[in-house]
Amino acid sequence: MGRAMFTIIAAMAELERSVIGERVIAGLEYARQHGTKSGKPIGRPRAAFRRDQIDALKEQGLGWRQIGRRLGVSATTIRRAYRTPPASR
């Protein structure tokens, strides 16, 4: 009787494992079709702002953080854009 119970429990565990594997594969396929990976968007959205606004705000005497807040991006992004020549964008 014990051997029969063990066999039934082992069969149920194997079935559950295969169902979990199917769900994982289906989830990954769904994610690929919808442009995501593990539920997160692939890549990071690019920050959109105008480079000439940085120059204008810098001429007004604003600091990097203040310019970043006004344009909705980080101070590091502003500094990087300021250093990069406009022709390479």
PDB file of N, CA and C in Angstrom:
ATOM      1  N   MET A   1       0.831  -1.196   0.000  1.00  0.00           N
ATOM      2  CA  MET A   1       0.000   0.000   0.000  1.00  0.00           C
ATOM      3  C   MET A   1       0.879   1.265   0.000  1.00  0.00           C
ATOM      4  N   GLY A   2       1.962   1.239   0.773  1.00  0.00           N
ATOM      5  CA  GLY A   2       2.863   2.395   0.838  1.00  0.00           C
ATOM      6  C   GLY A   2       3.520   2.674  -0.503  1.00  0.00           C
ATOM      7  N   ARG A   3       3.908   1.610  -1.195  1.00  0.00           N
ATOM      8  CA  ARG A   3       4.539   1.776  -2.508  1.00  0.00           C
ATOM      9  C   ARG A   3       3.553   2.390  -3.502  1.00  0.00           C
ATOM     10  N   ALA A   4       2.294   1.987  -3.437  1.00  0.00           N
ATOM     11  CA  ALA A   4       1.265   2.531  -4.335  1.00  0.00           C
ATOM     12  C   ALA A   4       1.069   4.023  -4.060  1.00  0.00           C
ATOM     13  N   MET A   5       1.015   4.434  -2.783  1.00  0.00           N
ATOM     14  CA  MET A   5       0.845   5.842  -2.442  1.00  0.00           C
ATOM     15  C   MET A   5       2.045   6.670  -2.924  1.00  0.00           C
ATOM     16  N   PHE A   6       3.240   6.129  -2.732  1.00  0.00           N
ATOM     17  CA  PHE A   6       4.442   6.825  -3.177  1.00  0.00           C
ATOM     18  C   PHE A   6       4.410   7.021  -4.688  1.00  0.00           C
ATOM     19  N   THR A   7       3.981   6.006  -5.434  1.00  0.00           N
ATOM     20  CA  THR A   7       3.908   6.093  -6.889  1.00  0.00           C
ATOM     21  C   THR A   7       2.896   7.151  -7.321  1.00  0.00           C
ATOM     22  N   ILE A   8       1.756   7.208  -6.651  1.00  0.00           N
ATOM     23  CA  ILE A   8       0.727   8.196  -6.996  1.00  0.00           C
ATOM     24  C   ILE A   8       1.227   9.615  -6.704  1.00  0.00           C
ATOM     25  N   ILE A   9       1.864   9.806  -5.547  1.00  0.00           N
ATOM     26  CA  ILE A   9       2.381  11.129  -5.197  1.00  0.00           C
ATOM     27  C   ILE A   9       3.480  11.551  -6.174  1.00  0.00           C
ATOM     28  N   ALA A  10       4.356  10.621  -6.560  1.00  0.00           N
ATOM     29  CA  ALA A  10       5.421  10.924  -7.518  1.00  0.00           C
ATOM     30  C   ALA A  10       4.839  11.309  -8.874  1.00  0.00           C
ATOM     31  N   ALA A  11       3.781  10.625  -9.296  1.00  0.00           N
ATOM     32  CA  ALA A  11       3.148  10.947 -10.577  1.00  0.00           C
ATOM     33  C   ALA A  11       2.524  12.346 -10.533  1.00  0.00           C
ATOM     34  N   MET A  12       1.890  12.700  -9.418  1.00  0.00           N
ATOM     35  CA  MET A  12       1.287  14.027  -9.299  1.00  0.00           C
ATOM     36  C   MET A  12       2.371  15.119  -9.301  1.00  0.00           C
ATOM     37  N   ALA A  13       3.489  14.854  -8.630  1.00  0.00           N
ATOM     38  CA  ALA A  13       4.582  15.822  -8.608  1.00  0.00           C
ATOM     39  C   ALA A  13       5.166  16.024 -10.001  1.00  0.00           C
ATOM     40  N   GLU A  14       5.311  14.953 -10.744  1.00  0.00           N
ATOM     41  CA  GLU A  14       5.830  15.049 -12.115  1.00  0.00           C
ATOM     42  C   GLU A  14       4.871  15.832 -13.002  1.00  0.00           C
ATOM     43  N   LEU A  15       3.580  15.594 -12.842  1.00  0.00           N
ATOM     44  CA  LEU A  15       2.571  16.330 -13.602  1.00  0.00           C
ATOM     45  C   LEU A  15       2.638  17.824 -13.275  1.00  0.00           C
ATOM     46  N   GLU A  16       2.729  18.151 -11.990  1.00  0.00           N
ATOM     47  CA  GLU A  16       2.799  19.558 -11.582  1.00  0.00           C
ATOM     48  C   GLU A  16       4.048  20.224 -12.143  1.00  0.00           C
ATOM     49  N   ARG A  17       5.154  19.530 -12.134  1.00  0.00           N
ATOM     50  CA  ARG A  17       6.395  20.090 -12.672  1.00  0.00           C
ATOM     51  C   ARG A  17       6.263  20.372 -14.169  1.00  0.00           C
ATOM     52  N   SER A  18       5.644  19.480 -14.897  1.00  0.00           N
ATOM     53  CA  SER A  18       5.486  19.713 -16.337  1.00  0.00           C
ATOM     54  C   SER A  18       4.531  20.875 -16.603  1.00  0.00           C
ATOM     55  N   VAL A  19       3.497  21.025 -15.783  1.00  0.00           N
ATOM     56  CA  VAL A  19       2.564  22.143 -15.949  1.00  0.00           C
ATOM     57  C   VAL A  19       3.281  23.464 -15.677  1.00  0.00           C
ATOM     58  N   ILE A  20       4.120  23.513 -14.647  1.00  0.00           N
ATOM     59  CA  ILE A  20       4.880  24.726 -14.349  1.00  0.00           C
ATOM     60  C   ILE A  20       5.805  25.072 -15.513  1.00  0.00           C
ATOM     61  N   GLY A  21       6.472  24.068 -16.075  1.00  0.00           N
ATOM     62  CA  GLY A  21       7.345  24.303 -17.230  1.00  0.00           C
ATOM     63  C   GLY A  21       6.587  24.867 -18.418  1.00  0.00           C
ATOM     64  N   GLU A  22       5.389  24.352 -18.675  1.00  0.00           N
ATOM     65  CA  GLU A  22       4.566  24.860 -19.777  1.00  0.00           C
ATOM     66  C   GLU A  22       4.172  26.313 -19.539  1.00  0.00           C
ATOM     67  N   ARG A  23       3.832  26.634 -18.293  1.00  0.00           N
ATOM     68  CA  ARG A  23       3.450  28.017 -17.969  1.00  0.00           C
ATOM     69  C   ARG A  23       4.618  28.970 -18.161  1.00  0.00           C
ATOM     70  N   VAL A  24       5.801  28.564 -17.764  1.00  0.00           N
ATOM     71  CA  VAL A  24       6.983  29.418 -17.929  1.00  0.00           C
ATOM     72  C   VAL A  24       7.248  29.676 -19.401  1.00  0.00           C
ATOM     73  N   ILE A  25       7.201  28.634 -20.213  1.00  0.00           N
ATOM     74  CA  ILE A  25       7.435  28.786 -21.652  1.00  0.00           C
ATOM     75  C   ILE A  25       6.377  29.683 -22.277  1.00  0.00           C
ATOM     76  N   ALA A  26       5.112  29.487 -21.893  1.00  0.00           N
ATOM     77  CA  ALA A  26       4.033  30.326 -22.430  1.00  0.00           C
ATOM     78  C   ALA A  26       4.233  31.778 -22.017  1.00  0.00           C
ATOM     79  N   GLY A  27       4.660  32.020 -20.782  1.00  0.00           N
ATOM     80  CA  GLY A  27       4.901  33.381 -20.320  1.00  0.00           C
ATOM     81  C   GLY A  27       6.036  34.050 -21.060  1.00  0.00           C
ATOM     82  N   LEU A  28       7.116  33.318 -21.329  1.00  0.00           N
ATOM     83  CA  LEU A  28       8.238  33.885 -22.080  1.00  0.00           C
ATOM     84  C   LEU A  28       7.847  34.207 -23.514  1.00  0.00           C
ATOM     85  N   GLU A  29       7.049  33.340 -24.136  1.00  0.00           N
ATOM     86  CA  GLU A  29       6.576  33.613 -25.502  1.00  0.00           C
ATOM     87  C   GLU A  29       5.695  34.857 -25.525  1.00  0.00           C
ATOM     88  N   TYR A  30       4.816  34.972 -24.533  1.00  0.00           N
ATOM     89  CA  TYR A  30       3.949  36.149 -24.437  1.00  0.00           C
ATOM     90  C   TYR A  30       4.794  37.410 -24.282  1.00  0.00           C
ATOM     91  N   ALA A  31       5.808  37.333 -23.434  1.00  0.00           N
ATOM     92  CA  ALA A  31       6.672  38.490 -23.206  1.00  0.00           C
ATOM     93  C   ALA A  31       7.397  38.886 -24.484  1.00  0.00           C
ATOM     94  N   ARG A  32       7.911  37.920 -25.223  1.00  0.00           N
ATOM     95  CA  ARG A  32       8.609  38.221 -26.483  1.00  0.00           C
ATOM     96  C   ARG A  32       7.681  38.874 -27.487  1.00  0.00           C
ATOM     97  N   GLN A  33       6.451  38.382 -27.574  1.00  0.00           N
ATOM     98  CA  GLN A  33       5.492  38.939 -28.528  1.00  0.00           C
ATOM     99  C   GLN A  33       5.106  40.374 -28.180  1.00  0.00           C
ATOM    100  N   HIS A  34       5.167  40.710 -26.893  1.00  0.00           N
ATOM    101  CA  HIS A  34       4.753  42.036 -26.465  1.00  0.00           C
ATOM    102  C   HIS A  34       5.952  42.945 -26.169  1.00  0.00           C
ATOM    103  N   GLY A  35       7.125  42.563 -26.620  1.00  0.00           N
ATOM    104  CA  GLY A  35       8.303  43.419 -26.515  1.00  0.00           C
ATOM    105  C   GLY A  35       8.846  43.583 -25.113  1.00  0.00           C
ATOM    106  N   THR A  36       8.669  42.582 -24.277  1.00  0.00           N
ATOM    107  CA  THR A  36       9.207  42.679 -22.930  1.00  0.00           C
ATOM    108  C   THR A  36      10.038  41.449 -22.618  1.00  0.00           C
ATOM    109  N   LYS A  37      10.733  41.528 -21.527  1.00  0.00           N
ATOM    110  CA  LYS A  37      11.503  40.391 -21.048  1.00  0.00           C
ATOM    111  C   LYS A  37      11.272  40.333 -19.551  1.00  0.00           C
ATOM    112  N   SER A  38      10.703  39.279 -19.085  1.00  0.00           N
ATOM    113  CA  SER A  38      10.372  39.120 -17.664  1.00  0.00           C
ATOM    114  C   SER A  38       9.449  40.222 -17.174  1.00  0.00           C
ATOM    115  N   GLY A  39       8.561  40.702 -18.037  1.00  0.00           N
ATOM    116  CA  GLY A  39       7.592  41.706 -17.634  1.00  0.00           C
ATOM    117  C   GLY A  39       8.092  43.135 -17.685  1.00  0.00           C
ATOM    118  N   LYS A  40       9.385  43.340 -17.876  1.00  0.00           N
ATOM    119  CA  LYS A  40       9.923  44.685 -17.932  1.00  0.00           C
ATOM    120  C   LYS A  40      10.146  45.082 -19.388  1.00  0.00           C
ATOM    121  N   PRO A  41       9.930  46.342 -19.736  1.00  0.00           N
ATOM    122  CA  PRO A  41      10.200  46.765 -21.102  1.00  0.00           C
ATOM    123  C   PRO A  41      11.672  46.566 -21.448  1.00  0.00           C
ATOM    124  N   ILE A  42      11.937  46.171 -22.683  1.00  0.00           N
ATOM    125  CA  ILE A  42      13.312  45.985 -23.120  1.00  0.00           C
ATOM    126  C   ILE A  42      13.911  47.353 -23.382  1.00  0.00           C
ATOM    127  N   GLY A  43      15.031  47.615 -22.762  1.00  0.00           N
ATOM    128  CA  GLY A  43      15.693  48.904 -22.928  1.00  0.00           C
ATOM    129  C   GLY A  43      15.050  49.970 -22.053  1.00  0.00           C
ATOM    130  N   ARG A  44      15.594  51.119 -22.115  1.00  0.00           N
ATOM    131  CA  ARG A  44      15.102  52.229 -21.319  1.00  0.00           C
ATOM    132  C   ARG A  44      14.623  53.299 -22.275  1.00  0.00           C
ATOM    133  N   PRO A  45      13.486  53.915 -21.997  1.00  0.00           N
ATOM    134  CA  PRO A  45      13.026  54.967 -22.910  1.00  0.00           C
ATOM    135  C   PRO A  45      14.028  56.119 -22.936  1.00  0.00           C
ATOM    136  N   ARG A  46      14.245  56.650 -24.103  1.00  0.00           N
ATOM    137  CA  ARG A  46      15.201  57.736 -24.247  1.00  0.00           C
ATOM    138  C   ARG A  46      14.581  59.019 -23.714  1.00  0.00           C
ATOM    139  N   ALA A  47      15.403  59.792 -23.037  1.00  0.00           N
ATOM    140  CA  ALA A  47      14.952  61.079 -22.517  1.00  0.00           C
ATOM    141  C   ALA A  47      14.882  62.064 -23.683  1.00  0.00           C
ATOM    142  N   ALA A  48      13.731  62.672 -23.858  1.00  0.00           N
ATOM    143  CA  ALA A  48      13.548  63.601 -24.970  1.00  0.00           C
ATOM    144  C   ALA A  48      13.564  65.033 -24.448  1.00  0.00           C
ATOM    145  N   PHE A  49      14.521  65.793 -24.894  1.00  0.00           N
ATOM    146  CA  PHE A  49      14.594  67.207 -24.571  1.00  0.00           C
ATOM    147  C   PHE A  49      15.427  67.873 -25.650  1.00  0.00           C
ATOM    148  N   ARG A  50      15.337  69.186 -25.712  1.00  0.00           N
ATOM    149  CA  ARG A  50      16.060  69.902 -26.756  1.00  0.00           C
ATOM    150  C   ARG A  50      17.392  70.391 -26.224  1.00  0.00           C
ATOM    151  N   ARG A  51      18.439  70.121 -26.960  1.00  0.00           N
ATOM    152  CA  ARG A  51      19.809  70.473 -26.575  1.00  0.00           C
ATOM    153  C   ARG A  51      19.968  71.983 -26.446  1.00  0.00           C
ATOM    154  N   ASP A  52      19.309  72.739 -27.310  1.00  0.00           N
ATOM    155  CA  ASP A  52      19.454  74.192 -27.265  1.00  0.00           C
ATOM    156  C   ASP A  52      18.865  74.783 -25.982  1.00  0.00           C
ATOM    157  N   GLN A  53      17.930  74.088 -25.361  1.00  0.00           N
ATOM    158  CA  GLN A  53      17.379  74.564 -24.091  1.00  0.00           C
ATOM    159  C   GLN A  53      18.440  74.510 -22.992  1.00  0.00           C
ATOM    160  N   ILE A  54      19.317  73.519 -23.054  1.00  0.00           N
ATOM    161  CA  ILE A  54      20.391  73.428 -22.070  1.00  0.00           C
ATOM    162  C   ILE A  54      21.273  74.665 -22.156  1.00  0.00           C
ATOM    163  N   ASP A  55      21.660  75.024 -23.379  1.00  0.00           N
ATOM    164  CA  ASP A  55      22.515  76.199 -23.566  1.00  0.00           C
ATOM    165  C   ASP A  55      21.832  77.459 -23.037  1.00  0.00           C
ATOM    166  N   ALA A  56      20.549  77.609 -23.349  1.00  0.00           N
ATOM    167  CA  ALA A  56      19.825  78.807 -22.921  1.00  0.00           C
ATOM    168  C   ALA A  56      19.722  78.875 -21.401  1.00  0.00           C
ATOM    169  N   LEU A  57      19.409  77.761 -20.767  1.00  0.00           N
ATOM    170  CA  LEU A  57      19.281  77.743 -19.314  1.00  0.00           C
ATOM    171  C   LEU A  57      20.636  77.918 -18.635  1.00  0.00           C
ATOM    172  N   LYS A  58      21.684  77.386 -19.241  1.00  0.00           N
ATOM    173  CA  LYS A  58      23.035  77.545 -18.689  1.00  0.00           C
ATOM    174  C   LYS A  58      23.453  79.019 -18.745  1.00  0.00           C
ATOM    175  N   GLU A  59      23.085  79.694 -19.829  1.00  0.00           N
ATOM    176  CA  GLU A  59      23.400  81.127 -19.960  1.00  0.00           C
ATOM    177  C   GLU A  59      22.662  81.960 -18.928  1.00  0.00           C
ATOM    178  N   GLN A  60      21.516  81.474 -18.470  1.00  0.00           N
ATOM    179  CA  GLN A  60      20.750  82.180 -17.432  1.00  0.00           C
ATOM    180  C   GLN A  60      21.376  81.980 -16.054  1.00  0.00           C
ATOM    181  N   GLY A  61      22.371  81.117 -15.976  1.00  0.00           N
ATOM    182  CA  GLY A  61      23.080  80.912 -14.725  1.00  0.00           C
ATOM    183  C   GLY A  61      22.529  79.785 -13.866  1.00  0.00           C
ATOM    184  N   LEU A  62      21.690  78.941 -14.424  1.00  0.00           N
ATOM    185  CA  LEU A  62      21.138  77.824 -13.660  1.00  0.00           C
ATOM    186  C   LEU A  62      22.166  76.701 -13.533  1.00  0.00           C
ATOM    187  N   GLY A  63      22.069  75.951 -12.450  1.00  0.00           N
ATOM    188  CA  GLY A  63      22.957  74.813 -12.242  1.00  0.00           C
ATOM    189  C   GLY A  63      22.429  73.566 -12.957  1.00  0.00           C
ATOM    190  N   TRP A  64      23.252  72.519 -12.947  1.00  0.00           N
ATOM    191  CA  TRP A  64      22.884  71.285 -13.648  1.00  0.00           C
ATOM    192  C   TRP A  64      21.599  70.688 -13.100  1.00  0.00           C
ATOM    193  N   ARG A  65      21.465  70.670 -11.783  1.00  0.00           N
ATOM    194  CA  ARG A  65      20.258  70.080 -11.183  1.00  0.00           C
ATOM    195  C   ARG A  65      19.015  70.874 -11.538  1.00  0.00           C
ATOM    196  N   GLN A  66      19.127  72.187 -11.504  1.00  0.00           N
ATOM    197  CA  GLN A  66      17.977  73.030 -11.833  1.00  0.00           C
ATOM    198  C   GLN A  66      17.568  72.843 -13.294  1.00  0.00           C
ATOM    199  N   ILE A  67      18.555  72.766 -14.162  1.00  0.00           N
ATOM    200  CA  ILE A  67      18.261  72.534 -15.587  1.00  0.00           C
ATOM    201  C   ILE A  67      17.611  71.168 -15.754  1.00  0.00           C
ATOM    202  N   GLY A  68      18.152  70.168 -15.069  1.00  0.00           N
ATOM    203  CA  GLY A  68      17.580  68.828 -15.153  1.00  0.00           C
ATOM    204  C   GLY A  68      16.135  68.788 -14.697  1.00  0.00           C
ATOM    205  N   ARG A  69      15.834  69.474 -13.598  1.00  0.00           N
ATOM    206  CA  ARG A  69      14.449  69.504 -13.113  1.00  0.00           C
ATOM    207  C   ARG A  69      13.521  70.165 -14.116  1.00  0.00           C
ATOM    208  N   ARG A  70      13.988  71.253 -14.698  1.00  0.00           N
ATOM    209  CA  ARG A  70      13.145  71.963 -15.680  1.00  0.00           C
ATOM    210  C   ARG A  70      12.867  71.118 -16.920  1.00  0.00           C
ATOM    211  N   LEU A  71      13.863  70.341 -17.340  1.00  0.00           N
ATOM    212  CA  LEU A  71      13.708  69.540 -18.555  1.00  0.00           C
ATOM    213  C   LEU A  71      13.204  68.126 -18.275  1.00  0.00           C
ATOM    214  N   GLY A  72      13.119  67.752 -17.005  1.00  0.00           N
ATOM    215  CA  GLY A  72      12.575  66.448 -16.644  1.00  0.00           C
ATOM    216  C   GLY A  72      13.545  65.289 -16.781  1.00  0.00           C
ATOM    217  N   VAL A  73      14.838  65.576 -16.676  1.00  0.00           N
ATOM    218  CA  VAL A  73      15.853  64.521 -16.741  1.00  0.00           C
ATOM    219  C   VAL A  73      16.861  64.759 -15.619  1.00  0.00           C
ATOM    220  N   SER A  74      17.771  63.821 -15.443  1.00  0.00           N
ATOM    221  CA  SER A  74      18.756  63.951 -14.369  1.00  0.00           C
ATOM    222  C   SER A  74      19.856  64.943 -14.751  1.00  0.00           C
ATOM    223  N   ALA A  75      20.543  65.396 -13.714  1.00  0.00           N
ATOM    224  CA  ALA A  75      21.664  66.322 -13.938  1.00  0.00           C
ATOM    225  C   ALA A  75      22.766  65.650 -14.746  1.00  0.00           C
ATOM    226  N   THR A  76      22.969  64.353 -14.520  1.00  0.00           N
ATOM    227  CA  THR A  76      23.993  63.623 -15.273  1.00  0.00           C
ATOM    228  C   THR A  76      23.662  63.599 -16.762  1.00  0.00           C
ATOM    229  N   THR A  77      22.408  63.393 -17.091  1.00  0.00           N
ATOM    230  CA  THR A  77      21.992  63.397 -18.503  1.00  0.00           C
ATOM    231  C   THR A  77      22.242  64.757 -19.128  1.00  0.00           C
ATOM    232  N   ILE A  78      21.959  65.806 -18.380  1.00  0.00           N
ATOM    233  CA  ILE A  78      22.180  67.165 -18.889  1.00  0.00           C
ATOM    234  C   ILE A  78      23.667  67.407 -19.130  1.00  0.00           C
ATOM    235  N   ARG A  79      24.505  67.040 -18.163  1.00  0.00           N
ATOM    236  CA  ARG A  79      25.953  67.231 -18.334  1.00  0.00           C
ATOM    237  C   ARG A  79      26.479  66.449 -19.525  1.00  0.00           C
ATOM    238  N   ARG A  80      26.014  65.206 -19.682  1.00  0.00           N
ATOM    239  CA  ARG A  80      26.470  64.373 -20.794  1.00  0.00           C
ATOM    240  C   ARG A  80      26.061  64.999 -22.124  1.00  0.00           C
ATOM    241  N   ALA A  81      24.829  65.490 -22.204  1.00  0.00           N
ATOM    242  CA  ALA A  81      24.363  66.116 -23.442  1.00  0.00           C
ATOM    243  C   ALA A  81      25.115  67.420 -23.714  1.00  0.00           C
ATOM    244  N   TYR A  82      25.454  68.143 -22.666  1.00  0.00           N
ATOM    245  CA  TYR A  82      26.163  69.410 -22.816  1.00  0.00           C
ATOM    246  C   TYR A  82      27.572  69.193 -23.346  1.00  0.00           C
ATOM    247  N   ARG A  83      28.225  68.121 -22.878  1.00  0.00           N
ATOM    248  CA  ARG A  83      29.595  67.809 -23.322  1.00  0.00           C
ATOM    249  C   ARG A  83      29.633  67.280 -24.751  1.00  0.00           C
ATOM    250  N   THR A  84      28.597  66.555 -25.166  1.00  0.00           N
ATOM    251  CA  THR A  84      28.580  65.921 -26.481  1.00  0.00           C
ATOM    252  C   THR A  84      28.342  66.963 -27.562  1.00  0.00           C
ATOM    253  N   PRO A  85      29.161  66.964 -28.599  1.00  0.00           N
ATOM    254  CA  PRO A  85      28.944  67.911 -29.707  1.00  0.00           C
ATOM    255  C   PRO A  85      27.597  67.648 -30.399  1.00  0.00           C
ATOM    256  N   PRO A  86      26.864  68.683 -30.776  1.00  0.00           N
ATOM    257  CA  PRO A  86      25.549  68.508 -31.404  1.00  0.00           C
ATOM    258  C   PRO A  86      25.573  67.686 -32.688  1.00  0.00           C
ATOM    259  N   ALA A  87      26.653  67.712 -33.466  1.00  0.00           N
ATOM    260  CA  ALA A  87      26.700  66.998 -34.749  1.00  0.00           C
ATOM    261  C   ALA A  87      26.675  65.485 -34.569  1.00  0.00           C
ATOM    262  N   SER A  88      27.127  64.969 -33.423  1.00  0.00           N
ATOM    263  CA  SER A  88      27.196  63.519 -33.254  1.00  0.00           C
ATOM    264  C   SER A  88      25.879  62.904 -32.829  1.00  0.00           C
ATOM    265  N   ARG A  89      24.855  63.685 -32.586  1.00  0.00           N
ATOM    266  CA  ARG A  89      23.563  63.137 -32.162  1.00  0.00           C
ATOM    267  C   ARG A  89      22.704  62.792 -33.307  1.00  0.00           C
TER     268      ARG A  89
END
